[in-house]
Amino acid sequence: MPTIQERIGQRIRNLREGRGWKQESLVEKSGLHPTYIGGIERGERNATIESYLKIANAFGIPVDELFKLDVHDLEKKFNAPSVVSIIKCRIKTI
């Protein structure tokens, strides 16, 4: 089963490709480094909330859209609240 980072990275890649963007477009719009974006998309990076906010802003979407995964599988795997719930809670405190 893919890790959370891999699943979020795939979601970001799907959003990018769905817009017909190359990685360079996301890099330019988000202000993040190309190798960092590549690492996020491959699930090799554990990105910060700030980086996810920059990516979401580049797409023009709310940050929680990046985390629309199969939440029930994640909850079962980690026996914990969903990633979306955790992220929303942390964003409210910023």
N, C-alpha and C. Protein backbone atom coordinates (compact mmCIF):
# COMPACT_ATOMS: atom_id res chain seq x y z
N MET A 1 0.85 -1.18 0.00
CA MET A 1 0.00 0.00 0.00
C MET A 1 0.89 1.24 0.00
N PRO A 2 0.59 2.22 -0.84
CA PRO A 2 1.42 3.43 -0.90
C PRO A 2 1.36 4.21 0.42
N THR A 3 2.43 4.94 0.69
CA THR A 3 2.47 5.79 1.88
C THR A 3 1.57 7.01 1.68
N ILE A 4 1.31 7.71 2.76
CA ILE A 4 0.52 8.94 2.67
C ILE A 4 1.20 9.93 1.75
N GLN A 5 2.53 10.07 1.89
CA GLN A 5 3.27 11.00 1.04
C GLN A 5 3.13 10.62 -0.43
N GLU A 6 3.18 9.33 -0.74
CA GLU A 6 3.03 8.89 -2.13
C GLU A 6 1.63 9.19 -2.66
N ARG A 7 0.64 8.99 -1.82
CA ARG A 7 -0.74 9.23 -2.25
C ARG A 7 -1.01 10.71 -2.47
N ILE A 8 -0.52 11.55 -1.57
CA ILE A 8 -0.68 12.99 -1.74
C ILE A 8 0.10 13.45 -2.96
N GLY A 9 1.31 12.94 -3.13
CA GLY A 9 2.12 13.28 -4.30
C GLY A 9 1.43 12.91 -5.59
N GLN A 10 0.81 11.75 -5.63
CA GLN A 10 0.08 11.33 -6.83
C GLN A 10 -1.12 12.24 -7.06
N ARG A 11 -1.77 12.64 -6.00
CA ARG A 11 -2.92 13.56 -6.12
C ARG A 11 -2.46 14.88 -6.73
N ILE A 12 -1.33 15.39 -6.26
CA ILE A 12 -0.80 16.65 -6.79
C ILE A 12 -0.41 16.48 -8.25
N ARG A 13 0.23 15.37 -8.59
CA ARG A 13 0.59 15.11 -9.98
C ARG A 13 -0.66 15.04 -10.85
N ASN A 14 -1.70 14.36 -10.37
CA ASN A 14 -2.95 14.26 -11.14
C ASN A 14 -3.59 15.63 -11.36
N LEU A 15 -3.58 16.47 -10.32
CA LEU A 15 -4.13 17.82 -10.46
C LEU A 15 -3.32 18.62 -11.48
N ARG A 16 -2.00 18.50 -11.41
CA ARG A 16 -1.13 19.22 -12.34
C ARG A 16 -1.35 18.76 -13.78
N GLU A 17 -1.31 17.45 -13.97
CA GLU A 17 -1.48 16.90 -15.32
C GLU A 17 -2.88 17.17 -15.86
N GLY A 18 -3.87 17.19 -14.98
CA GLY A 18 -5.23 17.48 -15.38
C GLY A 18 -5.39 18.89 -15.94
N ARG A 19 -4.49 19.76 -15.55
CA ARG A 19 -4.50 21.13 -16.07
C ARG A 19 -3.59 21.27 -17.29
N GLY A 20 -2.93 20.17 -17.65
CA GLY A 20 -2.03 20.21 -18.79
C GLY A 20 -0.71 20.91 -18.49
N TRP A 21 -0.37 21.00 -17.20
CA TRP A 21 0.85 21.68 -16.79
C TRP A 21 2.02 20.71 -16.75
N LYS A 22 3.18 21.21 -17.12
CA LYS A 22 4.43 20.50 -16.86
C LYS A 22 4.83 20.87 -15.44
N GLN A 23 5.77 20.12 -14.89
CA GLN A 23 6.23 20.43 -13.52
C GLN A 23 6.73 21.87 -13.42
N GLU A 24 7.35 22.36 -14.48
CA GLU A 24 7.89 23.72 -14.47
C GLU A 24 6.79 24.76 -14.21
N SER A 25 5.60 24.50 -14.71
CA SER A 25 4.49 25.44 -14.48
C SER A 25 4.13 25.49 -13.00
N LEU A 26 4.07 24.33 -12.37
CA LEU A 26 3.76 24.29 -10.94
C LEU A 26 4.88 24.94 -10.14
N VAL A 27 6.11 24.70 -10.54
CA VAL A 27 7.26 25.33 -9.87
C VAL A 27 7.13 26.85 -9.93
N GLU A 28 6.87 27.35 -11.13
CA GLU A 28 6.77 28.80 -11.33
C GLU A 28 5.62 29.40 -10.52
N LYS A 29 4.47 28.76 -10.55
CA LYS A 29 3.28 29.29 -9.88
C LYS A 29 3.35 29.16 -8.36
N SER A 30 4.05 28.13 -7.86
CA SER A 30 4.12 27.91 -6.42
C SER A 30 5.32 28.58 -5.77
N GLY A 31 6.36 28.84 -6.56
CA GLY A 31 7.58 29.43 -6.00
C GLY A 31 8.45 28.41 -5.28
N LEU A 32 8.16 27.13 -5.45
CA LEU A 32 8.95 26.07 -4.82
C LEU A 32 10.02 25.57 -5.79
N HIS A 33 11.07 24.98 -5.26
CA HIS A 33 12.18 24.48 -6.06
C HIS A 33 11.76 23.26 -6.88
N PRO A 34 12.27 23.13 -8.11
CA PRO A 34 11.90 21.99 -8.96
C PRO A 34 12.16 20.62 -8.34
N THR A 35 13.29 20.46 -7.67
CA THR A 35 13.56 19.14 -7.08
C THR A 35 12.63 18.87 -5.89
N TYR A 36 12.20 19.92 -5.22
CA TYR A 36 11.28 19.77 -4.10
C TYR A 36 9.91 19.31 -4.62
N ILE A 37 9.43 19.96 -5.68
CA ILE A 37 8.15 19.57 -6.28
C ILE A 37 8.23 18.12 -6.77
N GLY A 38 9.32 17.77 -7.44
CA GLY A 38 9.50 16.40 -7.92
C GLY A 38 9.48 15.40 -6.78
N GLY A 39 10.16 15.74 -5.69
CA GLY A 39 10.19 14.86 -4.52
C GLY A 39 8.82 14.70 -3.88
N ILE A 40 8.04 15.79 -3.86
CA ILE A 40 6.68 15.70 -3.32
C ILE A 40 5.84 14.79 -4.19
N GLU A 41 5.91 14.99 -5.50
CA GLU A 41 5.09 14.18 -6.41
C GLU A 41 5.46 12.70 -6.36
N ARG A 42 6.72 12.40 -6.10
CA ARG A 42 7.15 10.99 -6.01
C ARG A 42 6.92 10.40 -4.61
N GLY A 43 6.48 11.25 -3.68
CA GLY A 43 6.26 10.78 -2.31
C GLY A 43 7.53 10.63 -1.51
N GLU A 44 8.59 11.28 -1.95
CA GLU A 44 9.88 11.19 -1.26
C GLU A 44 10.07 12.29 -0.22
N ARG A 45 9.23 13.30 -0.28
CA ARG A 45 9.33 14.44 0.63
C ARG A 45 8.12 14.48 1.55
N ASN A 46 8.38 14.83 2.77
CA ASN A 46 7.31 15.08 3.73
C ASN A 46 7.16 16.59 3.79
N ALA A 47 6.36 17.14 2.90
CA ALA A 47 6.25 18.58 2.73
C ALA A 47 5.61 19.24 3.94
N THR A 48 5.92 20.52 4.09
CA THR A 48 5.33 21.31 5.17
C THR A 48 3.94 21.79 4.76
N ILE A 49 3.17 22.20 5.74
CA ILE A 49 1.85 22.78 5.48
C ILE A 49 2.02 24.01 4.59
N GLU A 50 3.04 24.80 4.86
CA GLU A 50 3.29 26.00 4.06
C GLU A 50 3.50 25.64 2.58
N SER A 51 4.24 24.57 2.32
CA SER A 51 4.45 24.14 0.93
C SER A 51 3.15 23.67 0.29
N TYR A 52 2.35 22.93 1.05
CA TYR A 52 1.06 22.50 0.52
C TYR A 52 0.16 23.70 0.23
N LEU A 53 0.21 24.73 1.08
CA LEU A 53 -0.57 25.94 0.84
C LEU A 53 -0.13 26.62 -0.46
N LYS A 54 1.18 26.67 -0.69
CA LYS A 54 1.70 27.28 -1.92
C LYS A 54 1.25 26.49 -3.15
N ILE A 55 1.26 25.18 -3.04
CA ILE A 55 0.82 24.33 -4.16
C ILE A 55 -0.68 24.53 -4.41
N ALA A 56 -1.46 24.53 -3.35
CA ALA A 56 -2.91 24.74 -3.49
C ALA A 56 -3.20 26.11 -4.10
N ASN A 57 -2.50 27.13 -3.65
CA ASN A 57 -2.69 28.46 -4.21
C ASN A 57 -2.31 28.50 -5.68
N ALA A 58 -1.26 27.76 -6.06
CA ALA A 58 -0.87 27.70 -7.47
C ALA A 58 -1.99 27.10 -8.31
N PHE A 59 -2.68 26.12 -7.77
CA PHE A 59 -3.80 25.50 -8.46
C PHE A 59 -5.09 26.33 -8.36
N GLY A 60 -5.11 27.27 -7.41
CA GLY A 60 -6.32 28.06 -7.19
C GLY A 60 -7.41 27.26 -6.51
N ILE A 61 -7.00 26.37 -5.60
CA ILE A 61 -7.96 25.51 -4.89
C ILE A 61 -7.72 25.61 -3.39
N PRO A 62 -8.72 25.26 -2.57
CA PRO A 62 -8.49 25.18 -1.13
C PRO A 62 -7.49 24.07 -0.83
N VAL A 63 -6.70 24.25 0.20
CA VAL A 63 -5.64 23.29 0.50
C VAL A 63 -6.19 21.89 0.78
N ASP A 64 -7.39 21.79 1.33
CA ASP A 64 -7.91 20.46 1.65
C ASP A 64 -8.18 19.63 0.39
N GLU A 65 -8.28 20.28 -0.77
CA GLU A 65 -8.45 19.53 -2.03
C GLU A 65 -7.24 18.65 -2.33
N LEU A 66 -6.08 19.05 -1.83
CA LEU A 66 -4.87 18.24 -2.06
C LEU A 66 -4.94 16.91 -1.32
N PHE A 67 -5.75 16.85 -0.29
CA PHE A 67 -5.78 15.68 0.59
C PHE A 67 -7.03 14.83 0.40
N LYS A 68 -7.71 14.99 -0.69
CA LYS A 68 -8.91 14.18 -0.96
C LYS A 68 -8.48 12.81 -1.44
N LEU A 69 -8.17 11.97 -0.48
CA LEU A 69 -7.70 10.62 -0.72
C LEU A 69 -8.77 9.66 -0.24
N ASP A 70 -8.49 8.39 -0.32
CA ASP A 70 -9.39 7.39 0.24
C ASP A 70 -9.16 7.39 1.75
N VAL A 71 -9.88 8.27 2.42
CA VAL A 71 -9.67 8.52 3.84
C VAL A 71 -9.89 7.27 4.69
N HIS A 72 -10.85 6.46 4.35
CA HIS A 72 -11.16 5.29 5.17
C HIS A 72 -9.99 4.30 5.19
N ASP A 73 -9.31 4.11 4.07
CA ASP A 73 -8.14 3.24 4.05
C ASP A 73 -7.04 3.78 4.94
N LEU A 74 -6.84 5.10 4.91
CA LEU A 74 -5.80 5.70 5.74
C LEU A 74 -6.14 5.55 7.21
N GLU A 75 -7.40 5.76 7.57
CA GLU A 75 -7.79 5.62 8.97
C GLU A 75 -7.58 4.19 9.45
N LYS A 76 -7.91 3.21 8.60
CA LYS A 76 -7.72 1.81 8.98
C LYS A 76 -6.24 1.48 9.12
N LYS A 77 -5.43 1.94 8.17
CA LYS A 77 -4.01 1.61 8.17
C LYS A 77 -3.32 2.16 9.42
N PHE A 78 -3.63 3.42 9.77
CA PHE A 78 -2.92 4.06 10.87
C PHE A 78 -3.71 4.11 12.16
N ASN A 79 -4.95 3.60 12.15
CA ASN A 79 -5.80 3.62 13.33
C ASN A 79 -5.80 5.01 13.97
N ALA A 80 -6.02 6.01 13.12
CA ALA A 80 -5.95 7.40 13.56
C ALA A 80 -6.91 8.25 12.74
N PRO A 81 -7.14 9.49 13.17
CA PRO A 81 -7.99 10.38 12.37
C PRO A 81 -7.40 10.56 10.97
N SER A 82 -8.25 10.91 10.06
CA SER A 82 -7.80 11.06 8.68
C SER A 82 -6.81 12.21 8.54
N VAL A 83 -6.01 12.13 7.50
CA VAL A 83 -5.06 13.19 7.18
C VAL A 83 -5.80 14.51 6.98
N VAL A 84 -6.94 14.46 6.32
CA VAL A 84 -7.72 15.68 6.06
C VAL A 84 -8.11 16.33 7.38
N SER A 85 -8.57 15.55 8.34
CA SER A 85 -8.97 16.10 9.64
C SER A 85 -7.80 16.75 10.35
N ILE A 86 -6.66 16.11 10.32
CA ILE A 86 -5.46 16.64 10.97
C ILE A 86 -5.03 17.93 10.30
N ILE A 87 -4.97 17.93 8.98
CA ILE A 87 -4.54 19.12 8.24
C ILE A 87 -5.50 20.29 8.50
N LYS A 88 -6.79 20.05 8.44
CA LYS A 88 -7.76 21.11 8.68
C LYS A 88 -7.59 21.70 10.07
N CYS A 89 -7.34 20.85 11.05
CA CYS A 89 -7.14 21.29 12.42
C CYS A 89 -5.90 22.19 12.51
N ARG A 90 -4.82 21.77 11.88
CA ARG A 90 -3.58 22.56 11.92
C ARG A 90 -3.71 23.87 11.18
N ILE A 91 -4.42 23.88 10.08
CA ILE A 91 -4.58 25.11 9.29
C ILE A 91 -5.38 26.14 10.08
N LYS A 92 -6.37 25.69 10.84
CA LYS A 92 -7.18 26.61 11.63
C LYS A 92 -6.35 27.31 12.70
N THR A 93 -5.26 26.70 13.13
CA THR A 93 -4.44 27.30 14.17
C THR A 93 -3.40 28.27 13.61
N ILE A 94 -3.25 28.30 12.29
CA ILE A 94 -2.26 29.20 11.67
C ILE A 94 -2.79 30.61 11.62
